[in-house]
């Protein structure tokens, strides 16, 4: 039976950082049709996206981290003082 991770579409356009290579890039695609998920990442200064193969658990963790980051950003935005017109 195939295993799919839900909510991966929120990763599209997200910025990833690779601390091992000291680089960052944007997620441009996600494929869960094969045996393992593949995300396409367009690293800075690259001409074409790199296909990054990962486990379903790693993809699920990435989706959860992205969800938490979005929630944190929304909370910070709510806490900003508002100007009165």
Protein backbone atom coordinates (compact mmCIF):
# COMPACT_ATOMS: atom_id res chain seq x y z
CA UNK A 1 0.00 0.00 0.00
CA UNK A 2 1.27 3.46 -0.95
CA UNK A 3 1.98 5.93 1.82
CA UNK A 4 1.29 9.60 1.10
CA UNK A 5 2.00 12.63 3.25
CA UNK A 6 -0.88 15.11 3.51
CA UNK A 7 -0.42 18.86 3.22
CA UNK A 8 2.67 18.83 1.03
CA UNK A 9 1.31 21.59 -1.22
CA UNK A 10 2.14 24.16 1.46
CA UNK A 11 5.82 23.40 0.81
CA UNK A 12 5.63 24.77 -2.74
CA UNK A 13 7.56 28.02 -2.79
CA UNK A 14 8.97 27.46 0.70
CA UNK A 15 12.62 28.26 1.34
CA UNK A 16 14.83 25.42 2.53
CA UNK A 17 18.29 25.76 4.03
CA UNK A 18 21.00 23.15 3.62
CA UNK A 19 23.47 23.79 6.44
CA UNK A 20 25.86 21.11 5.18
CA UNK A 21 26.47 23.04 1.96
CA UNK A 22 25.64 26.50 3.36
CA UNK A 23 22.98 27.21 0.75
CA UNK A 24 19.27 27.89 0.49
CA UNK A 25 16.68 27.30 -2.19
CA UNK A 26 12.99 27.24 -3.04
CA UNK A 27 10.79 24.15 -3.35
CA UNK A 28 9.50 24.05 -6.92
CA UNK A 29 7.88 20.61 -7.04
CA UNK A 30 6.88 17.53 -5.07
CA UNK A 31 6.40 13.98 -6.36
CA UNK A 32 4.99 11.23 -4.16
CA UNK A 33 4.21 8.76 -6.97
CA UNK A 34 7.38 6.66 -6.66
CA UNK A 35 8.63 4.46 -3.86
CA UNK A 36 10.06 7.52 -2.08
CA UNK A 37 8.98 11.17 -2.14
CA UNK A 38 11.07 13.56 -4.22
CA UNK A 39 11.09 17.31 -3.83
CA UNK A 40 12.55 19.62 -6.46
CA UNK A 41 14.63 22.40 -4.94
CA UNK A 42 16.01 25.31 -6.94
CA UNK A 43 19.15 26.17 -4.98
CA UNK A 44 20.54 29.68 -5.16
CA UNK A 45 22.88 30.16 -8.11
CA UNK A 46 21.63 26.93 -9.75
CA UNK A 47 20.18 26.83 -13.25
CA UNK A 48 17.90 23.84 -12.68
CA UNK A 49 16.16 22.33 -9.66
CA UNK A 50 17.81 19.43 -7.86
CA UNK A 51 15.70 16.38 -7.07
CA UNK A 52 16.03 15.52 -3.39
CA UNK A 53 14.89 12.01 -2.45
CA UNK A 54 13.67 11.56 1.12
CA UNK A 55 11.72 9.17 3.29
CA UNK A 56 8.03 9.62 4.01
CA UNK A 57 8.93 10.39 7.64
CA UNK A 58 11.35 13.13 6.59
CA UNK A 59 8.75 14.65 4.27
CA UNK A 60 6.12 14.55 7.03
CA UNK A 61 8.57 16.26 9.41
CA UNK A 62 9.30 18.93 6.79
CA UNK A 63 5.58 19.57 6.28
CA UNK A 64 5.05 19.83 10.05
CA UNK A 65 7.98 22.24 10.44
CA UNK A 66 6.57 24.36 7.63
CA UNK A 67 3.14 24.35 9.28
CA UNK A 68 4.63 25.42 12.64
CA UNK A 69 6.63 28.17 10.95
CA UNK A 70 3.52 29.50 9.20
CA UNK A 71 1.61 29.43 12.52
CA UNK A 72 4.47 31.29 14.27
CA UNK A 73 4.61 33.91 11.52
CA UNK A 74 0.83 34.43 11.70
CA UNK A 75 1.01 34.81 15.49
CA UNK A 76 3.84 37.37 15.22
CA UNK A 77 1.81 39.32 12.67
CA UNK A 78 -1.20 39.39 15.03
CA UNK A 79 0.98 40.74 17.85
CA UNK A 80 2.31 43.72 15.89
CA UNK A 81 0.93 47.07 17.06
CA UNK A 82 -1.60 48.53 14.63
CA UNK A 83 -1.67 52.14 13.57
CA UNK A 84 -4.90 53.98 14.00
CA UNK A 85 -6.22 55.87 11.02
